[in-house]
């Protein structure tokens, strides 16, 4: 409460940017595993912040987190998207390859 309330605009813009970035990365198939980890963190943070609110569907955030875990585990199978193109490059750094 003492951190978020005074910086509400900053947290609002950060949430907007992260959600937009997640959508772009996951829909284009770019750095899918990294995007899944980012989405998992965001799902947990939002779920914990609204878990005790009246009428909130807390299970929807658990479902979102489970979907991000599944995307991370499957790595989108690397058939389509930018990750498939990146994996074909022999000079791809190992750290970047771990996120694809």
PDB file of N, CA and C in Angstrom:
ATOM      1  N   UNK A   1       0.815  -1.177   0.000  1.00  0.00           N
ATOM      2  CA  UNK A   1       0.000   0.000   0.000  1.00  0.00           C
ATOM      3  C   UNK A   1       0.868   1.255   0.000  1.00  0.00           C
ATOM      4  N   UNK A   2       1.954   1.235   0.749  1.00  0.00           N
ATOM      5  CA  UNK A   2       2.799   2.423   0.810  1.00  0.00           C
ATOM      6  C   UNK A   2       3.719   2.542  -0.395  1.00  0.00           C
ATOM      7  N   UNK A   3       3.858   1.476  -1.157  1.00  0.00           N
ATOM      8  CA  UNK A   3       4.715   1.521  -2.340  1.00  0.00           C
ATOM      9  C   UNK A   3       3.891   1.773  -3.594  1.00  0.00           C
ATOM     10  N   UNK A   4       2.793   1.063  -3.737  1.00  0.00           N
ATOM     11  CA  UNK A   4       2.007   1.139  -4.967  1.00  0.00           C
ATOM     12  C   UNK A   4       1.191   2.421  -5.053  1.00  0.00           C
ATOM     13  N   UNK A   5       0.510   2.783  -3.986  1.00  0.00           N
ATOM     14  CA  UNK A   5      -0.392   3.943  -4.031  1.00  0.00           C
ATOM     15  C   UNK A   5       0.297   5.236  -4.452  1.00  0.00           C
ATOM     16  N   UNK A   6       1.458   5.584  -3.895  1.00  0.00           N
ATOM     17  CA  UNK A   6       2.101   6.820  -4.344  1.00  0.00           C
ATOM     18  C   UNK A   6       2.611   6.749  -5.786  1.00  0.00           C
ATOM     19  N   UNK A   7       2.867   5.555  -6.274  1.00  0.00           N
ATOM     20  CA  UNK A   7       3.416   5.371  -7.623  1.00  0.00           C
ATOM     21  C   UNK A   7       2.426   4.659  -8.533  1.00  0.00           C
ATOM     22  N   UNK A   8       1.159   4.961  -8.389  1.00  0.00           N
ATOM     23  CA  UNK A   8       0.120   4.251  -9.125  1.00  0.00           C
ATOM     24  C   UNK A   8       0.273   4.401 -10.637  1.00  0.00           C
ATOM     25  N   UNK A   9       0.612   5.576 -11.105  1.00  0.00           N
ATOM     26  CA  UNK A   9       0.779   5.790 -12.547  1.00  0.00           C
ATOM     27  C   UNK A   9       1.930   4.946 -13.088  1.00  0.00           C
ATOM     28  N   UNK A  10       3.023   4.887 -12.356  1.00  0.00           N
ATOM     29  CA  UNK A  10       4.172   4.090 -12.780  1.00  0.00           C
ATOM     30  C   UNK A  10       3.810   2.613 -12.876  1.00  0.00           C
ATOM     31  N   UNK A  11       3.127   2.088 -11.865  1.00  0.00           N
ATOM     32  CA  UNK A  11       2.721   0.686 -11.885  1.00  0.00           C
ATOM     33  C   UNK A  11       1.693   0.417 -12.979  1.00  0.00           C
ATOM     34  N   UNK A  12       0.828   1.377 -13.235  1.00  0.00           N
ATOM     35  CA  UNK A  12      -0.159   1.228 -14.308  1.00  0.00           C
ATOM     36  C   UNK A  12       0.497   1.129 -15.669  1.00  0.00           C
ATOM     37  N   UNK A  13       1.451   2.032 -15.938  1.00  0.00           N
ATOM     38  CA  UNK A  13       2.154   1.986 -17.221  1.00  0.00           C
ATOM     39  C   UNK A  13       3.017   0.735 -17.346  1.00  0.00           C
ATOM     40  N   UNK A  14       3.639   0.319 -16.249  1.00  0.00           N
ATOM     41  CA  UNK A  14       4.449  -0.905 -16.282  1.00  0.00           C
ATOM     42  C   UNK A  14       3.584  -2.119 -16.605  1.00  0.00           C
ATOM     43  N   UNK A  15       2.398  -2.190 -16.026  1.00  0.00           N
ATOM     44  CA  UNK A  15       1.479  -3.294 -16.317  1.00  0.00           C
ATOM     45  C   UNK A  15       1.045  -3.266 -17.774  1.00  0.00           C
ATOM     46  N   UNK A  16       0.733  -2.091 -18.280  1.00  0.00           N
ATOM     47  CA  UNK A  16       0.335  -1.950 -19.678  1.00  0.00           C
ATOM     48  C   UNK A  16       1.444  -2.404 -20.620  1.00  0.00           C
ATOM     49  N   UNK A  17       2.662  -1.996 -20.348  1.00  0.00           N
ATOM     50  CA  UNK A  17       3.796  -2.359 -21.206  1.00  0.00           C
ATOM     51  C   UNK A  17       4.063  -3.860 -21.148  1.00  0.00           C
ATOM     52  N   UNK A  18       4.029  -4.447 -19.957  1.00  0.00           N
ATOM     53  CA  UNK A  18       4.285  -5.886 -19.821  1.00  0.00           C
ATOM     54  C   UNK A  18       3.206  -6.691 -20.534  1.00  0.00           C
ATOM     55  N   UNK A  19       1.949  -6.312 -20.380  1.00  0.00           N
ATOM     56  CA  UNK A  19       0.873  -7.049 -21.049  1.00  0.00           C
ATOM     57  C   UNK A  19       0.973  -6.928 -22.565  1.00  0.00           C
ATOM     58  N   UNK A  20       1.314  -5.749 -23.064  1.00  0.00           N
ATOM     59  CA  UNK A  20       1.484  -5.576 -24.505  1.00  0.00           C
ATOM     60  C   UNK A  20       2.666  -6.401 -25.006  1.00  0.00           C
ATOM     61  N   UNK A  21       3.771  -6.355 -24.279  1.00  0.00           N
ATOM     62  CA  UNK A  21       4.957  -7.121 -24.658  1.00  0.00           C
ATOM     63  C   UNK A  21       4.671  -8.622 -24.655  1.00  0.00           C
ATOM     64  N   UNK A  22       3.944  -9.093 -23.653  1.00  0.00           N
ATOM     65  CA  UNK A  22       3.570 -10.507 -23.603  1.00  0.00           C
ATOM     66  C   UNK A  22       2.740 -10.906 -24.811  1.00  0.00           C
ATOM     67  N   UNK A  23       1.777 -10.075 -25.165  1.00  0.00           N
ATOM     68  CA  UNK A  23       0.926 -10.383 -26.317  1.00  0.00           C
ATOM     69  C   UNK A  23       1.748 -10.458 -27.590  1.00  0.00           C
ATOM     70  N   UNK A  24       2.631  -9.500 -27.803  1.00  0.00           N
ATOM     71  CA  UNK A  24       3.449  -9.483 -29.020  1.00  0.00           C
ATOM     72  C   UNK A  24       4.373 -10.694 -29.065  1.00  0.00           C
ATOM     73  N   UNK A  25       5.048 -10.982 -27.957  1.00  0.00           N
ATOM     74  CA  UNK A  25       5.993 -12.102 -27.939  1.00  0.00           C
ATOM     75  C   UNK A  25       5.300 -13.446 -28.122  1.00  0.00           C
ATOM     76  N   UNK A  26       4.197 -13.660 -27.429  1.00  0.00           N
ATOM     77  CA  UNK A  26       3.525 -14.957 -27.519  1.00  0.00           C
ATOM     78  C   UNK A  26       2.822 -15.146 -28.858  1.00  0.00           C
ATOM     79  N   UNK A  27       2.220 -14.097 -29.394  1.00  0.00           N
ATOM     80  CA  UNK A  27       1.525 -14.239 -30.678  1.00  0.00           C
ATOM     81  C   UNK A  27       2.486 -14.384 -31.847  1.00  0.00           C
ATOM     82  N   UNK A  28       3.668 -13.776 -31.748  1.00  0.00           N
ATOM     83  CA  UNK A  28       4.635 -13.892 -32.840  1.00  0.00           C
ATOM     84  C   UNK A  28       5.556 -15.097 -32.664  1.00  0.00           C
ATOM     85  N   UNK A  29       5.540 -15.714 -31.501  1.00  0.00           N
ATOM     86  CA  UNK A  29       6.412 -16.860 -31.264  1.00  0.00           C
ATOM     87  C   UNK A  29       7.854 -16.447 -31.057  1.00  0.00           C
ATOM     88  N   UNK A  30       8.064 -15.291 -30.459  1.00  0.00           N
ATOM     89  CA  UNK A  30       9.407 -14.771 -30.221  1.00  0.00           C
ATOM     90  C   UNK A  30       9.772 -14.964 -28.755  1.00  0.00           C
ATOM     91  N   UNK A  31      10.914 -15.600 -28.503  1.00  0.00           N
ATOM     92  CA  UNK A  31      11.383 -15.840 -27.135  1.00  0.00           C
ATOM     93  C   UNK A  31      10.258 -16.386 -26.259  1.00  0.00           C
ATOM     94  N   UNK A  32       9.665 -17.456 -26.723  1.00  0.00           N
ATOM     95  CA  UNK A  32       8.458 -17.999 -26.117  1.00  0.00           C
ATOM     96  C   UNK A  32       8.663 -18.401 -24.660  1.00  0.00           C
ATOM     97  N   UNK A  33       9.760 -19.052 -24.369  1.00  0.00           N
ATOM     98  CA  UNK A  33       9.989 -19.476 -22.979  1.00  0.00           C
ATOM     99  C   UNK A  33      10.193 -18.283 -22.054  1.00  0.00           C
ATOM    100  N   UNK A  34      10.920 -17.290 -22.509  1.00  0.00           N
ATOM    101  CA  UNK A  34      11.098 -16.083 -21.705  1.00  0.00           C
ATOM    102  C   UNK A  34       9.783 -15.368 -21.475  1.00  0.00           C
ATOM    103  N   UNK A  35       8.957 -15.294 -22.517  1.00  0.00           N
ATOM    104  CA  UNK A  35       7.645 -14.660 -22.388  1.00  0.00           C
ATOM    105  C   UNK A  35       6.755 -15.453 -21.438  1.00  0.00           C
ATOM    106  N   UNK A  36       6.866 -16.774 -21.465  1.00  0.00           N
ATOM    107  CA  UNK A  36       6.062 -17.598 -20.558  1.00  0.00           C
ATOM    108  C   UNK A  36       6.463 -17.357 -19.106  1.00  0.00           C
ATOM    109  N   UNK A  37       7.751 -17.208 -18.848  1.00  0.00           N
ATOM    110  CA  UNK A  37       8.198 -16.911 -17.483  1.00  0.00           C
ATOM    111  C   UNK A  37       7.717 -15.535 -17.035  1.00  0.00           C
ATOM    112  N   UNK A  38       7.780 -14.565 -17.939  1.00  0.00           N
ATOM    113  CA  UNK A  38       7.287 -13.225 -17.631  1.00  0.00           C
ATOM    114  C   UNK A  38       5.787 -13.262 -17.348  1.00  0.00           C
ATOM    115  N   UNK A  39       5.050 -13.996 -18.155  1.00  0.00           N
ATOM    116  CA  UNK A  39       3.614 -14.126 -17.951  1.00  0.00           C
ATOM    117  C   UNK A  39       3.273 -14.850 -16.663  1.00  0.00           C
ATOM    118  N   UNK A  40       4.054 -15.853 -16.320  1.00  0.00           N
ATOM    119  CA  UNK A  40       3.840 -16.569 -15.060  1.00  0.00           C
ATOM    120  C   UNK A  40       4.022 -15.627 -13.879  1.00  0.00           C
ATOM    121  N   UNK A  41       5.080 -14.847 -13.918  1.00  0.00           N
ATOM    122  CA  UNK A  41       5.313 -13.879 -12.844  1.00  0.00           C
ATOM    123  C   UNK A  41       4.196 -12.861 -12.738  1.00  0.00           C
ATOM    124  N   UNK A  42       3.727 -12.381 -13.873  1.00  0.00           N
ATOM    125  CA  UNK A  42       2.644 -11.405 -13.857  1.00  0.00           C
ATOM    126  C   UNK A  42       1.345 -12.035 -13.354  1.00  0.00           C
ATOM    127  N   UNK A  43       1.059 -13.245 -13.769  1.00  0.00           N
ATOM    128  CA  UNK A  43      -0.163 -13.918 -13.312  1.00  0.00           C
ATOM    129  C   UNK A  43      -0.155 -14.123 -11.804  1.00  0.00           C
ATOM    130  N   UNK A  44       0.986 -14.513 -11.278  1.00  0.00           N
ATOM    131  CA  UNK A  44       1.095 -14.711  -9.832  1.00  0.00           C
ATOM    132  C   UNK A  44       0.949 -13.382  -9.097  1.00  0.00           C
ATOM    133  N   UNK A  45       1.598 -12.340  -9.601  1.00  0.00           N
ATOM    134  CA  UNK A  45       1.517 -11.034  -8.938  1.00  0.00           C
ATOM    135  C   UNK A  45       0.093 -10.493  -8.943  1.00  0.00           C
ATOM    136  N   UNK A  46      -0.579 -10.565 -10.072  1.00  0.00           N
ATOM    137  CA  UNK A  46      -1.954 -10.069 -10.144  1.00  0.00           C
ATOM    138  C   UNK A  46      -2.875 -10.951  -9.307  1.00  0.00           C
ATOM    139  N   UNK A  47      -2.682 -12.254  -9.379  1.00  0.00           N
ATOM    140  CA  UNK A  47      -3.515 -13.163  -8.597  1.00  0.00           C
ATOM    141  C   UNK A  47      -3.399 -12.925  -7.105  1.00  0.00           C
ATOM    142  N   UNK A  48      -2.186 -12.692  -6.628  1.00  0.00           N
ATOM    143  CA  UNK A  48      -2.001 -12.431  -5.200  1.00  0.00           C
ATOM    144  C   UNK A  48      -2.572 -11.080  -4.786  1.00  0.00           C
ATOM    145  N   UNK A  49      -2.550 -10.119  -5.701  1.00  0.00           N
ATOM    146  CA  UNK A  49      -3.042  -8.786  -5.337  1.00  0.00           C
ATOM    147  C   UNK A  49      -4.565  -8.712  -5.289  1.00  0.00           C
ATOM    148  N   UNK A  50      -5.258  -9.583  -6.000  1.00  0.00           N
ATOM    149  CA  UNK A  50      -6.727  -9.522  -6.022  1.00  0.00           C
ATOM    150  C   UNK A  50      -7.377 -10.772  -5.429  1.00  0.00           C
ATOM    151  N   UNK A  51      -6.603 -11.624  -4.800  1.00  0.00           N
ATOM    152  CA  UNK A  51      -7.124 -12.907  -4.319  1.00  0.00           C
ATOM    153  C   UNK A  51      -8.240 -12.754  -3.288  1.00  0.00           C
ATOM    154  N   UNK A  52      -8.178 -11.742  -2.472  1.00  0.00           N
ATOM    155  CA  UNK A  52      -9.173 -11.581  -1.409  1.00  0.00           C
ATOM    156  C   UNK A  52     -10.283 -10.605  -1.767  1.00  0.00           C
ATOM    157  N   UNK A  53     -10.324 -10.142  -2.997  1.00  0.00           N
ATOM    158  CA  UNK A  53     -11.370  -9.197  -3.403  1.00  0.00           C
ATOM    159  C   UNK A  53     -12.702  -9.933  -3.536  1.00  0.00           C
ATOM    160  N   UNK A  54     -13.772  -9.249  -3.187  1.00  0.00           N
ATOM    161  CA  UNK A  54     -15.106  -9.846  -3.285  1.00  0.00           C
ATOM    162  C   UNK A  54     -15.486 -10.055  -4.744  1.00  0.00           C
ATOM    163  N   UNK A  55     -15.985 -11.238  -5.052  1.00  0.00           N
ATOM    164  CA  UNK A  55     -16.454 -11.534  -6.396  1.00  0.00           C
ATOM    165  C   UNK A  55     -15.351 -11.788  -7.414  1.00  0.00           C
ATOM    166  N   UNK A  56     -14.118 -11.870  -6.977  1.00  0.00           N
ATOM    167  CA  UNK A  56     -13.004 -12.093  -7.903  1.00  0.00           C
ATOM    168  C   UNK A  56     -12.875 -13.581  -8.196  1.00  0.00           C
ATOM    169  N   UNK A  57     -12.646 -13.898  -9.427  1.00  0.00           N
ATOM    170  CA  UNK A  57     -12.460 -15.291  -9.835  1.00  0.00           C
ATOM    171  C   UNK A  57     -10.992 -15.647  -9.660  1.00  0.00           C
ATOM    172  N   UNK A  58     -10.597 -15.995  -8.451  1.00  0.00           N
ATOM    173  CA  UNK A  58      -9.190 -16.266  -8.175  1.00  0.00           C
ATOM    174  C   UNK A  58      -8.663 -17.426  -9.000  1.00  0.00           C
ATOM    175  N   UNK A  59      -9.520 -18.385  -9.330  1.00  0.00           N
ATOM    176  CA  UNK A  59      -9.087 -19.562 -10.086  1.00  0.00           C
ATOM    177  C   UNK A  59      -8.662 -19.188 -11.507  1.00  0.00           C
ATOM    178  N   UNK A  60      -9.143 -18.056 -12.024  1.00  0.00           N
ATOM    179  CA  UNK A  60      -8.748 -17.663 -13.382  1.00  0.00           C
ATOM    180  C   UNK A  60      -7.260 -17.316 -13.437  1.00  0.00           C
ATOM    181  N   UNK A  61      -6.718 -16.797 -12.340  1.00  0.00           N
ATOM    182  CA  UNK A  61      -5.290 -16.490 -12.306  1.00  0.00           C
ATOM    183  C   UNK A  61      -4.469 -17.763 -12.145  1.00  0.00           C
ATOM    184  N   UNK A  62      -5.019 -18.751 -11.452  1.00  0.00           N
ATOM    185  CA  UNK A  62      -4.349 -20.052 -11.389  1.00  0.00           C
ATOM    186  C   UNK A  62      -4.319 -20.705 -12.765  1.00  0.00           C
ATOM    187  N   UNK A  63      -5.406 -20.554 -13.507  1.00  0.00           N
ATOM    188  CA  UNK A  63      -5.463 -21.101 -14.857  1.00  0.00           C
ATOM    189  C   UNK A  63      -4.454 -20.409 -15.768  1.00  0.00           C
ATOM    190  N   UNK A  64      -4.370 -19.082 -15.667  1.00  0.00           N
ATOM    191  CA  UNK A  64      -3.383 -18.343 -16.464  1.00  0.00           C
ATOM    192  C   UNK A  64      -1.973 -18.806 -16.137  1.00  0.00           C
ATOM    193  N   UNK A  65      -1.677 -18.982 -14.856  1.00  0.00           N
ATOM    194  CA  UNK A  65      -0.348 -19.432 -14.453  1.00  0.00           C
ATOM    195  C   UNK A  65      -0.071 -20.831 -14.999  1.00  0.00           C
ATOM    196  N   UNK A  66      -1.064 -21.707 -14.951  1.00  0.00           N
ATOM    197  CA  UNK A  66      -0.887 -23.066 -15.482  1.00  0.00           C
ATOM    198  C   UNK A  66      -0.645 -23.043 -16.989  1.00  0.00           C
ATOM    199  N   UNK A  67      -1.322 -22.166 -17.692  1.00  0.00           N
ATOM    200  CA  UNK A  67      -1.107 -22.064 -19.141  1.00  0.00           C
ATOM    201  C   UNK A  67       0.299 -21.566 -19.457  1.00  0.00           C
ATOM    202  N   UNK A  68       0.799 -20.634 -18.672  1.00  0.00           N
ATOM    203  CA  UNK A  68       2.170 -20.156 -18.897  1.00  0.00           C
ATOM    204  C   UNK A  68       3.190 -21.252 -18.602  1.00  0.00           C
ATOM    205  N   UNK A  69       2.925 -22.069 -17.594  1.00  0.00           N
ATOM    206  CA  UNK A  69       3.815 -23.199 -17.308  1.00  0.00           C
ATOM    207  C   UNK A  69       3.801 -24.180 -18.479  1.00  0.00           C
ATOM    208  N   UNK A  70       2.625 -24.428 -19.047  1.00  0.00           N
ATOM    209  CA  UNK A  70       2.529 -25.337 -20.196  1.00  0.00           C
ATOM    210  C   UNK A  70       3.273 -24.780 -21.402  1.00  0.00           C
ATOM    211  N   UNK A  71       3.149 -23.490 -21.652  1.00  0.00           N
ATOM    212  CA  UNK A  71       3.868 -22.876 -22.775  1.00  0.00           C
ATOM    213  C   UNK A  71       5.367 -22.969 -22.547  1.00  0.00           C
ATOM    214  N   UNK A  72       5.805 -22.743 -21.314  1.00  0.00           N
ATOM    215  CA  UNK A  72       7.227 -22.858 -21.003  1.00  0.00           C
ATOM    216  C   UNK A  72       7.717 -24.284 -21.212  1.00  0.00           C
ATOM    217  N   UNK A  73       6.949 -25.259 -20.770  1.00  0.00           N
ATOM    218  CA  UNK A  73       7.363 -26.658 -20.870  1.00  0.00           C
ATOM    219  C   UNK A  73       7.405 -27.135 -22.315  1.00  0.00           C
ATOM    220  N   UNK A  74       6.449 -26.695 -23.122  1.00  0.00           N
ATOM    221  CA  UNK A  74       6.382 -27.166 -24.506  1.00  0.00           C
ATOM    222  C   UNK A  74       7.236 -26.323 -25.441  1.00  0.00           C
ATOM    223  N   UNK A  75       7.547 -25.103 -25.051  1.00  0.00           N
ATOM    224  CA  UNK A  75       8.340 -24.175 -25.861  1.00  0.00           C
ATOM    225  C   UNK A  75       7.726 -23.990 -27.238  1.00  0.00           C
ATOM    226  N   UNK A  76       6.411 -24.057 -27.307  1.00  0.00           N
ATOM    227  CA  UNK A  76       5.651 -23.860 -28.547  1.00  0.00           C
ATOM    228  C   UNK A  76       6.136 -24.779 -29.662  1.00  0.00           C
ATOM    229  N   UNK A  77       6.819 -25.799 -29.301  1.00  0.00           N
ATOM    230  CA  UNK A  77       7.326 -26.820 -30.225  1.00  0.00           C
ATOM    231  C   UNK A  77       8.239 -26.268 -31.310  1.00  0.00           C
ATOM    232  N   UNK A  78       8.456 -24.990 -31.331  1.00  0.00           N
ATOM    233  CA  UNK A  78       9.430 -24.356 -32.230  1.00  0.00           C
ATOM    234  C   UNK A  78       9.189 -24.686 -33.698  1.00  0.00           C
ATOM    235  N   UNK A  79       7.936 -24.832 -34.103  1.00  0.00           N
ATOM    236  CA  UNK A  79       7.643 -25.110 -35.500  1.00  0.00           C
ATOM    237  C   UNK A  79       7.374 -23.842 -36.288  1.00  0.00           C
ATOM    238  N   UNK A  80       6.597 -22.963 -35.713  1.00  0.00           N
ATOM    239  CA  UNK A  80       6.208 -21.739 -36.388  1.00  0.00           C
ATOM    240  C   UNK A  80       6.658 -20.555 -35.548  1.00  0.00           C
ATOM    241  N   UNK A  81       6.745 -19.416 -36.143  1.00  0.00           N
ATOM    242  CA  UNK A  81       7.091 -18.217 -35.403  1.00  0.00           C
ATOM    243  C   UNK A  81       8.563 -17.873 -35.505  1.00  0.00           C
ATOM    244  N   UNK A  82       8.914 -16.834 -34.813  1.00  0.00           N
ATOM    245  CA  UNK A  82      10.278 -16.316 -34.866  1.00  0.00           C
ATOM    246  C   UNK A  82      11.257 -17.277 -34.196  1.00  0.00           C
ATOM    247  N   UNK A  83      10.826 -17.985 -33.164  1.00  0.00           N
ATOM    248  CA  UNK A  83      11.710 -18.947 -32.500  1.00  0.00           C
ATOM    249  C   UNK A  83      12.221 -20.014 -33.463  1.00  0.00           C
ATOM    250  N   UNK A  84      11.382 -20.466 -34.374  1.00  0.00           N
ATOM    251  CA  UNK A  84      11.803 -21.478 -35.354  1.00  0.00           C
ATOM    252  C   UNK A  84      12.899 -20.926 -36.254  1.00  0.00           C
ATOM    253  N   UNK A  85      12.784 -19.660 -36.611  1.00  0.00           N
ATOM    254  CA  UNK A  85      13.818 -19.040 -37.445  1.00  0.00           C
ATOM    255  C   UNK A  85      15.104 -18.821 -36.653  1.00  0.00           C
ATOM    256  N   UNK A  86      14.970 -18.434 -35.398  1.00  0.00           N
ATOM    257  CA  UNK A  86      16.156 -18.212 -34.572  1.00  0.00           C
ATOM    258  C   UNK A  86      16.915 -19.507 -34.318  1.00  0.00           C
ATOM    259  N   UNK A  87      16.192 -20.595 -34.111  1.00  0.00           N
ATOM    260  CA  UNK A  87      16.845 -21.875 -33.810  1.00  0.00           C
ATOM    261  C   UNK A  87      17.648 -22.416 -34.986  1.00  0.00           C
ATOM    262  N   UNK A  88      17.391 -21.939 -36.192  1.00  0.00           N
ATOM    263  CA  UNK A  88      18.122 -22.406 -37.369  1.00  0.00           C
ATOM    264  C   UNK A  88      19.501 -21.763 -37.481  1.00  0.00           C
ATOM    265  N   UNK A  89      19.719 -20.689 -36.766  1.00  0.00           N
ATOM    266  CA  UNK A  89      20.999 -19.983 -36.845  1.00  0.00           C
ATOM    267  C   UNK A  89      22.057 -20.721 -36.033  1.00  0.00           C
ATOM    268  N   UNK A  90      23.187 -21.064 -36.658  1.00  0.00           N
ATOM    269  CA  UNK A  90      24.233 -21.775 -35.918  1.00  0.00           C
ATOM    270  C   UNK A  90      24.978 -20.878 -34.926  1.00  0.00           C
ATOM    271  N   UNK A  91      24.943 -19.566 -35.128  1.00  0.00           N
ATOM    272  CA  UNK A  91      25.677 -18.650 -34.255  1.00  0.00           C
ATOM    273  C   UNK A  91      24.813 -18.081 -33.128  1.00  0.00           C
ATOM    274  N   UNK A  92      23.694 -18.722 -32.843  1.00  0.00           N
ATOM    275  CA  UNK A  92      22.780 -18.258 -31.798  1.00  0.00           C
ATOM    276  C   UNK A  92      23.409 -18.496 -30.422  1.00  0.00           C
ATOM    277  N   UNK A  93      23.533 -17.448 -29.598  1.00  0.00           N
ATOM    278  CA  UNK A  93      24.116 -17.637 -28.257  1.00  0.00           C
ATOM    279  C   UNK A  93      23.277 -18.596 -27.409  1.00  0.00           C
ATOM    280  N   UNK A  94      23.941 -19.340 -26.523  1.00  0.00           N
ATOM    281  CA  UNK A  94      23.247 -20.342 -25.707  1.00  0.00           C
ATOM    282  C   UNK A  94      22.193 -19.721 -24.795  1.00  0.00           C
ATOM    283  N   UNK A  95      22.480 -18.549 -24.255  1.00  0.00           N
ATOM    284  CA  UNK A  95      21.508 -17.905 -23.361  1.00  0.00           C
ATOM    285  C   UNK A  95      20.253 -17.499 -24.114  1.00  0.00           C
ATOM    286  N   UNK A  96      20.423 -17.034 -25.336  1.00  0.00           N
ATOM    287  CA  UNK A  96      19.262 -16.670 -26.147  1.00  0.00           C
ATOM    288  C   UNK A  96      18.512 -17.923 -26.585  1.00  0.00           C
ATOM    289  N   UNK A  97      19.234 -18.984 -26.889  1.00  0.00           N
ATOM    290  CA  UNK A  97      18.590 -20.238 -27.297  1.00  0.00           C
ATOM    291  C   UNK A  97      17.753 -20.821 -26.159  1.00  0.00           C
ATOM    292  N   UNK A  98      18.143 -20.580 -24.923  1.00  0.00           N
ATOM    293  CA  UNK A  98      17.377 -21.099 -23.787  1.00  0.00           C
ATOM    294  C   UNK A  98      16.025 -20.409 -23.656  1.00  0.00           C
ATOM    295  N   UNK A  99      15.903 -19.189 -24.157  1.00  0.00           N
ATOM    296  CA  UNK A  99      14.640 -18.455 -24.073  1.00  0.00           C
ATOM    297  C   UNK A  99      13.709 -18.758 -25.230  1.00  0.00           C
ATOM    298  N   UNK A 100      14.214 -19.411 -26.263  1.00  0.00           N
ATOM    299  CA  UNK A 100      13.378 -19.696 -27.437  1.00  0.00           C
ATOM    300  C   UNK A 100      12.672 -21.013 -27.293  1.00  0.00           C
TER     301      UNK A 100
END
